[in-house]
Amino acid sequence: MKTDTEIKHDGFQALKSKLNVVEIEKFIVLINREKFDYTKWREYLFEDMTIPQIAEKAEEYSKKNK
């Protein structure tokens, strides 16, 4: 299991791969400002997709990020 420090590092690396420094800061402010329940959000993330569709997206992502 990763340490909190490793998780934070990996999270910032993920943000850095898609956002610039100003956008990362804005993202953090937005998350802190909202009452954001990640678990509830994840519960509904794929509700309109079938298992095969999710698997296909995961495979596409995996191939793209090798």
N, C-alpha and C. Protein backbone atom coordinates (compact mmCIF):
# COMPACT_ATOMS: atom_id res chain seq x y z
N MET A 1 0.84 -1.18 0.00
CA MET A 1 0.00 0.00 0.00
C MET A 1 0.89 1.24 0.00
N LYS A 2 0.49 2.22 -0.80
CA LYS A 2 1.28 3.45 -0.91
C LYS A 2 1.09 4.31 0.34
N THR A 3 2.12 5.08 0.65
CA THR A 3 2.02 6.03 1.75
C THR A 3 1.23 7.25 1.28
N ASP A 4 0.80 8.08 2.23
CA ASP A 4 0.09 9.31 1.89
C ASP A 4 0.95 10.19 0.99
N THR A 5 2.24 10.26 1.30
CA THR A 5 3.16 11.09 0.50
C THR A 5 3.24 10.59 -0.93
N GLU A 6 3.31 9.28 -1.11
CA GLU A 6 3.37 8.70 -2.46
C GLU A 6 2.08 8.97 -3.23
N ILE A 7 0.96 8.86 -2.55
CA ILE A 7 -0.33 9.12 -3.20
C ILE A 7 -0.43 10.58 -3.63
N LYS A 8 -0.02 11.50 -2.74
CA LYS A 8 -0.04 12.92 -3.10
C LYS A 8 0.89 13.19 -4.29
N HIS A 9 2.07 12.60 -4.26
CA HIS A 9 3.02 12.78 -5.37
C HIS A 9 2.42 12.29 -6.68
N ASP A 10 1.88 11.08 -6.66
CA ASP A 10 1.29 10.52 -7.88
C ASP A 10 0.09 11.34 -8.35
N GLY A 11 -0.70 11.85 -7.41
CA GLY A 11 -1.84 12.69 -7.76
C GLY A 11 -1.40 13.97 -8.45
N PHE A 12 -0.36 14.61 -7.91
CA PHE A 12 0.15 15.82 -8.54
C PHE A 12 0.74 15.52 -9.92
N GLN A 13 1.38 14.38 -10.05
CA GLN A 13 1.93 14.00 -11.36
C GLN A 13 0.79 13.81 -12.37
N ALA A 14 -0.30 13.20 -11.92
CA ALA A 14 -1.45 13.00 -12.81
C ALA A 14 -2.04 14.35 -13.22
N LEU A 15 -2.20 15.25 -12.25
CA LEU A 15 -2.71 16.58 -12.58
C LEU A 15 -1.76 17.30 -13.53
N LYS A 16 -0.47 17.19 -13.25
CA LYS A 16 0.55 17.87 -14.06
C LYS A 16 0.54 17.39 -15.51
N SER A 17 0.14 16.14 -15.72
CA SER A 17 0.13 15.60 -17.08
C SER A 17 -0.99 16.20 -17.93
N LYS A 18 -2.00 16.78 -17.29
CA LYS A 18 -3.16 17.31 -18.02
C LYS A 18 -3.37 18.81 -17.84
N LEU A 19 -2.84 19.38 -16.76
CA LEU A 19 -3.11 20.78 -16.43
C LEU A 19 -1.82 21.56 -16.23
N ASN A 20 -1.90 22.88 -16.45
CA ASN A 20 -0.74 23.71 -16.12
C ASN A 20 -0.82 24.10 -14.64
N VAL A 21 0.18 24.78 -14.13
CA VAL A 21 0.27 25.09 -12.70
C VAL A 21 -0.94 25.88 -12.21
N VAL A 22 -1.38 26.86 -12.97
CA VAL A 22 -2.53 27.67 -12.57
C VAL A 22 -3.79 26.81 -12.53
N GLU A 23 -3.97 25.93 -13.51
CA GLU A 23 -5.14 25.06 -13.54
C GLU A 23 -5.13 24.06 -12.39
N ILE A 24 -3.95 23.57 -12.03
CA ILE A 24 -3.83 22.66 -10.88
C ILE A 24 -4.28 23.38 -9.61
N GLU A 25 -3.80 24.59 -9.42
CA GLU A 25 -4.19 25.37 -8.25
C GLU A 25 -5.70 25.61 -8.23
N LYS A 26 -6.26 25.96 -9.38
CA LYS A 26 -7.70 26.19 -9.47
C LYS A 26 -8.47 24.91 -9.14
N PHE A 27 -8.00 23.77 -9.64
CA PHE A 27 -8.62 22.48 -9.36
C PHE A 27 -8.64 22.23 -7.85
N ILE A 28 -7.52 22.45 -7.19
CA ILE A 28 -7.43 22.21 -5.75
C ILE A 28 -8.40 23.13 -5.00
N VAL A 29 -8.45 24.41 -5.39
CA VAL A 29 -9.37 25.35 -4.75
C VAL A 29 -10.82 24.90 -4.96
N LEU A 30 -11.16 24.48 -6.18
CA LEU A 30 -12.52 24.03 -6.46
C LEU A 30 -12.90 22.81 -5.62
N ILE A 31 -12.00 21.86 -5.50
CA ILE A 31 -12.27 20.66 -4.71
C ILE A 31 -12.43 21.01 -3.24
N ASN A 32 -11.57 21.89 -2.73
CA ASN A 32 -11.66 22.27 -1.32
C ASN A 32 -12.91 23.09 -1.03
N ARG A 33 -13.37 23.86 -1.98
CA ARG A 33 -14.53 24.73 -1.79
C ARG A 33 -15.83 23.94 -1.75
N GLU A 34 -15.91 22.89 -2.53
CA GLU A 34 -17.14 22.12 -2.63
C GLU A 34 -17.18 21.01 -1.59
N LYS A 35 -18.40 20.65 -1.20
CA LYS A 35 -18.57 19.46 -0.38
C LYS A 35 -18.60 18.28 -1.34
N PHE A 36 -17.42 17.80 -1.69
CA PHE A 36 -17.26 16.79 -2.73
C PHE A 36 -17.12 15.42 -2.09
N ASP A 37 -18.03 14.53 -2.39
CA ASP A 37 -17.98 13.17 -1.87
C ASP A 37 -17.50 12.26 -3.00
N TYR A 38 -16.21 11.97 -3.00
CA TYR A 38 -15.60 11.18 -4.06
C TYR A 38 -16.26 9.81 -4.19
N THR A 39 -16.57 9.18 -3.06
CA THR A 39 -17.17 7.85 -3.10
C THR A 39 -18.53 7.88 -3.79
N LYS A 40 -19.34 8.87 -3.46
CA LYS A 40 -20.66 9.00 -4.09
C LYS A 40 -20.51 9.31 -5.58
N TRP A 41 -19.55 10.18 -5.92
CA TRP A 41 -19.30 10.52 -7.32
C TRP A 41 -18.93 9.27 -8.11
N ARG A 42 -18.05 8.44 -7.56
CA ARG A 42 -17.62 7.22 -8.25
C ARG A 42 -18.77 6.24 -8.42
N GLU A 43 -19.71 6.26 -7.47
CA GLU A 43 -20.85 5.35 -7.53
C GLU A 43 -21.67 5.54 -8.80
N TYR A 44 -21.74 6.80 -9.27
CA TYR A 44 -22.56 7.11 -10.45
C TYR A 44 -21.75 7.36 -11.72
N LEU A 45 -20.43 7.27 -11.62
CA LEU A 45 -19.56 7.60 -12.75
C LEU A 45 -19.86 6.76 -14.00
N PHE A 46 -20.09 5.48 -13.82
CA PHE A 46 -20.27 4.58 -14.96
C PHE A 46 -21.69 4.03 -15.06
N GLU A 47 -22.65 4.70 -14.44
CA GLU A 47 -24.00 4.14 -14.38
C GLU A 47 -24.67 3.99 -15.75
N ASP A 48 -24.26 4.78 -16.74
CA ASP A 48 -24.86 4.69 -18.07
C ASP A 48 -24.06 3.81 -19.02
N MET A 49 -23.09 3.08 -18.48
CA MET A 49 -22.24 2.23 -19.32
C MET A 49 -22.40 0.76 -18.91
N THR A 50 -22.29 -0.11 -19.91
CA THR A 50 -22.32 -1.54 -19.64
C THR A 50 -20.91 -1.99 -19.25
N ILE A 51 -20.81 -3.18 -18.68
CA ILE A 51 -19.50 -3.74 -18.32
C ILE A 51 -18.60 -3.85 -19.54
N PRO A 52 -19.09 -4.35 -20.69
CA PRO A 52 -18.23 -4.40 -21.88
C PRO A 52 -17.74 -3.01 -22.32
N GLN A 53 -18.59 -2.00 -22.20
CA GLN A 53 -18.17 -0.64 -22.56
C GLN A 53 -17.07 -0.14 -21.63
N ILE A 54 -17.23 -0.40 -20.34
CA ILE A 54 -16.21 0.01 -19.37
C ILE A 54 -14.90 -0.71 -19.66
N ALA A 55 -14.99 -2.01 -19.93
CA ALA A 55 -13.79 -2.79 -20.24
C ALA A 55 -13.10 -2.27 -21.49
N GLU A 56 -13.87 -1.91 -22.49
CA GLU A 56 -13.32 -1.37 -23.73
C GLU A 56 -12.58 -0.06 -23.47
N LYS A 57 -13.19 0.82 -22.69
CA LYS A 57 -12.55 2.10 -22.35
C LYS A 57 -11.27 1.87 -21.56
N ALA A 58 -11.30 0.92 -20.65
CA ALA A 58 -10.10 0.61 -19.86
C ALA A 58 -8.98 0.08 -20.74
N GLU A 59 -9.32 -0.76 -21.69
CA GLU A 59 -8.33 -1.30 -22.62
C GLU A 59 -7.74 -0.19 -23.50
N GLU A 60 -8.60 0.69 -24.00
CA GLU A 60 -8.13 1.83 -24.81
C GLU A 60 -7.17 2.69 -23.99
N TYR A 61 -7.55 2.97 -22.76
CA TYR A 61 -6.71 3.79 -21.88
C TYR A 61 -5.36 3.12 -21.63
N SER A 62 -5.42 1.81 -21.38
CA SER A 62 -4.19 1.06 -21.11
C SER A 62 -3.24 1.08 -22.31
N LYS A 63 -3.77 0.87 -23.50
CA LYS A 63 -2.94 0.89 -24.70
C LYS A 63 -2.35 2.28 -24.94
N LYS A 64 -3.15 3.30 -24.70
CA LYS A 64 -2.72 4.68 -24.92
C LYS A 64 -1.63 5.12 -23.94
N ASN A 65 -1.63 4.55 -22.75
CA ASN A 65 -0.73 4.99 -21.69
C ASN A 65 0.38 4.00 -21.35
N LYS A 66 0.76 3.20 -22.33
CA LYS A 66 1.88 2.26 -22.11
C LYS A 66 3.19 2.97 -22.26
